[in-house]
Amino acid sequence: MTTKVMIHANHGWPVDVTPVSIGGSAVGPKRRVDAGATQEFCVHSGQDLLVHEVQPSEIAAETGE
């Protein structure tokens, strides 16, 4: 069984989504949903999604500001 999850990054900040196994290890690459965008993710059996709203300080650290 697969579950579809819609991520709406509508608060002005991007959202990082990482598929993880129930044991906590990453099972796929992190994907970023840009601010203002909507993206669909599939959750497979034995998998969770780690959803993280990226904060301004994290964006500044990524860009070296």
N, C-alpha and C. Protein backbone atom coordinates (compact mmCIF):
# COMPACT_ATOMS: atom_id res chain seq x y z
N MET A 1 0.85 -1.18 0.00
CA MET A 1 0.00 0.00 0.00
C MET A 1 0.88 1.23 0.00
N THR A 2 0.51 2.21 -0.77
CA THR A 2 1.24 3.47 -0.84
C THR A 2 0.29 4.59 -0.45
N THR A 3 0.79 5.54 0.31
CA THR A 3 0.02 6.70 0.73
C THR A 3 0.61 7.93 0.08
N LYS A 4 -0.25 8.78 -0.46
CA LYS A 4 0.21 10.05 -1.03
C LYS A 4 0.06 11.15 0.02
N VAL A 5 1.09 11.97 0.13
CA VAL A 5 1.10 13.09 1.06
C VAL A 5 1.41 14.35 0.25
N MET A 6 0.59 15.37 0.41
CA MET A 6 0.80 16.64 -0.27
C MET A 6 1.45 17.62 0.70
N ILE A 7 2.56 18.20 0.30
CA ILE A 7 3.24 19.21 1.10
C ILE A 7 3.00 20.56 0.43
N HIS A 8 2.39 21.48 1.16
CA HIS A 8 2.13 22.83 0.69
C HIS A 8 3.06 23.77 1.47
N ALA A 9 4.08 24.27 0.84
CA ALA A 9 5.03 25.17 1.50
C ALA A 9 4.50 26.60 1.35
N ASN A 10 3.41 26.87 2.06
CA ASN A 10 2.71 28.13 1.84
C ASN A 10 2.90 29.15 2.96
N HIS A 11 3.92 28.98 3.78
CA HIS A 11 4.15 29.93 4.86
C HIS A 11 5.31 30.87 4.56
N GLY A 12 5.82 30.80 3.33
CA GLY A 12 6.92 31.68 2.94
C GLY A 12 8.30 31.07 3.08
N TRP A 13 8.35 29.83 3.55
CA TRP A 13 9.65 29.15 3.71
C TRP A 13 9.61 27.82 2.98
N PRO A 14 10.75 27.37 2.48
CA PRO A 14 10.78 26.05 1.86
C PRO A 14 10.63 24.96 2.92
N VAL A 15 10.32 23.77 2.46
CA VAL A 15 10.14 22.62 3.34
C VAL A 15 10.99 21.48 2.81
N ASP A 16 11.80 20.87 3.68
CA ASP A 16 12.60 19.70 3.32
C ASP A 16 11.82 18.44 3.70
N VAL A 17 11.81 17.46 2.79
CA VAL A 17 11.13 16.20 3.03
C VAL A 17 12.14 15.08 2.79
N THR A 18 12.32 14.23 3.81
CA THR A 18 13.26 13.12 3.72
C THR A 18 12.54 11.82 4.03
N PRO A 19 12.52 10.85 3.11
CA PRO A 19 11.95 9.55 3.43
C PRO A 19 12.91 8.78 4.34
N VAL A 20 12.38 8.20 5.42
CA VAL A 20 13.19 7.44 6.37
C VAL A 20 12.51 6.11 6.67
N SER A 21 13.32 5.14 7.04
CA SER A 21 12.76 3.85 7.46
C SER A 21 12.23 4.01 8.88
N ILE A 22 11.40 3.09 9.30
CA ILE A 22 10.86 3.16 10.65
C ILE A 22 11.98 3.13 11.69
N GLY A 23 13.10 2.50 11.36
CA GLY A 23 14.25 2.47 12.25
C GLY A 23 15.00 3.79 12.32
N GLY A 24 14.70 4.73 11.42
CA GLY A 24 15.29 6.05 11.48
C GLY A 24 16.36 6.36 10.46
N SER A 25 16.76 5.39 9.65
CA SER A 25 17.80 5.69 8.66
C SER A 25 17.15 6.21 7.38
N ALA A 26 17.87 7.10 6.70
CA ALA A 26 17.35 7.67 5.46
C ALA A 26 17.26 6.58 4.40
N VAL A 27 16.17 6.56 3.65
CA VAL A 27 16.02 5.58 2.57
C VAL A 27 15.90 6.27 1.22
N GLY A 28 16.04 7.56 1.21
CA GLY A 28 15.97 8.30 -0.04
C GLY A 28 16.57 9.67 0.16
N PRO A 29 16.84 10.37 -0.91
CA PRO A 29 17.43 11.70 -0.78
C PRO A 29 16.42 12.72 -0.26
N LYS A 30 16.92 13.70 0.45
CA LYS A 30 16.09 14.82 0.90
C LYS A 30 15.69 15.62 -0.33
N ARG A 31 14.41 16.01 -0.36
CA ARG A 31 13.92 16.86 -1.45
C ARG A 31 13.36 18.13 -0.83
N ARG A 32 13.59 19.26 -1.49
CA ARG A 32 13.13 20.55 -1.00
C ARG A 32 11.95 21.03 -1.83
N VAL A 33 10.88 21.42 -1.11
CA VAL A 33 9.72 22.04 -1.74
C VAL A 33 9.90 23.54 -1.58
N ASP A 34 10.00 24.25 -2.68
CA ASP A 34 10.22 25.69 -2.63
C ASP A 34 9.05 26.42 -1.98
N ALA A 35 9.33 27.55 -1.37
CA ALA A 35 8.29 28.38 -0.76
C ALA A 35 7.23 28.69 -1.80
N GLY A 36 5.98 28.51 -1.43
CA GLY A 36 4.86 28.78 -2.31
C GLY A 36 4.48 27.62 -3.21
N ALA A 37 5.25 26.55 -3.19
CA ALA A 37 4.98 25.41 -4.07
C ALA A 37 4.26 24.29 -3.34
N THR A 38 3.70 23.38 -4.10
CA THR A 38 3.06 22.18 -3.58
C THR A 38 3.67 20.99 -4.29
N GLN A 39 3.96 19.93 -3.53
CA GLN A 39 4.56 18.74 -4.13
C GLN A 39 3.98 17.51 -3.46
N GLU A 40 3.81 16.47 -4.25
CA GLU A 40 3.26 15.21 -3.76
C GLU A 40 4.39 14.23 -3.47
N PHE A 41 4.26 13.52 -2.35
CA PHE A 41 5.23 12.50 -1.95
C PHE A 41 4.49 11.19 -1.72
N CYS A 42 5.16 10.09 -1.97
CA CYS A 42 4.58 8.77 -1.71
C CYS A 42 5.29 8.14 -0.52
N VAL A 43 4.50 7.56 0.36
CA VAL A 43 5.04 6.86 1.52
C VAL A 43 4.77 5.38 1.31
N HIS A 44 5.82 4.59 1.28
CA HIS A 44 5.69 3.16 1.04
C HIS A 44 5.66 2.40 2.37
N SER A 45 5.33 1.15 2.31
CA SER A 45 5.25 0.30 3.50
C SER A 45 6.56 0.35 4.28
N GLY A 46 6.46 0.54 5.59
CA GLY A 46 7.64 0.55 6.44
C GLY A 46 8.45 1.83 6.35
N GLN A 47 7.84 2.90 5.88
CA GLN A 47 8.56 4.15 5.67
C GLN A 47 7.82 5.31 6.32
N ASP A 48 8.55 6.29 6.78
CA ASP A 48 8.01 7.53 7.30
C ASP A 48 8.56 8.68 6.46
N LEU A 49 7.97 9.85 6.63
CA LEU A 49 8.52 11.06 6.03
C LEU A 49 8.91 12.02 7.14
N LEU A 50 10.11 12.54 7.05
CA LEU A 50 10.56 13.59 7.95
C LEU A 50 10.33 14.90 7.22
N VAL A 51 9.44 15.74 7.79
CA VAL A 51 9.07 17.01 7.16
C VAL A 51 9.60 18.14 8.02
N HIS A 52 10.38 19.04 7.40
CA HIS A 52 11.04 20.10 8.17
C HIS A 52 10.87 21.43 7.46
N GLU A 53 10.24 22.41 8.11
CA GLU A 53 10.15 23.76 7.56
C GLU A 53 11.49 24.45 7.78
N VAL A 54 12.13 24.82 6.68
CA VAL A 54 13.47 25.41 6.73
C VAL A 54 13.35 26.85 7.24
N GLN A 55 14.14 27.17 8.25
CA GLN A 55 14.09 28.48 8.88
C GLN A 55 15.07 29.45 8.22
N PRO A 56 14.82 30.75 8.35
CA PRO A 56 15.71 31.75 7.73
C PRO A 56 17.18 31.58 8.10
N SER A 57 17.47 31.22 9.34
CA SER A 57 18.86 31.05 9.77
C SER A 57 19.52 29.87 9.04
N GLU A 58 18.75 28.83 8.74
CA GLU A 58 19.29 27.68 8.01
C GLU A 58 19.59 28.05 6.55
N ILE A 59 18.71 28.85 5.96
CA ILE A 59 18.93 29.30 4.59
C ILE A 59 20.16 30.17 4.52
N ALA A 60 20.33 31.07 5.50
CA ALA A 60 21.51 31.94 5.54
C ALA A 60 22.79 31.11 5.67
N ALA A 61 22.75 30.06 6.50
CA ALA A 61 23.93 29.22 6.69
C ALA A 61 24.26 28.46 5.39
N GLU A 62 23.25 28.03 4.66
CA GLU A 62 23.47 27.32 3.40
C GLU A 62 24.11 28.21 2.34
N THR A 63 23.72 29.47 2.33
CA THR A 63 24.20 30.40 1.31
C THR A 63 25.44 31.18 1.75
N GLY A 64 25.84 30.97 3.03
CA GLY A 64 27.04 31.64 3.52
C GLY A 64 26.83 33.09 3.91
N GLU A 65 25.58 33.47 4.14
CA GLU A 65 25.30 34.87 4.52
C GLU A 65 25.45 35.07 6.00
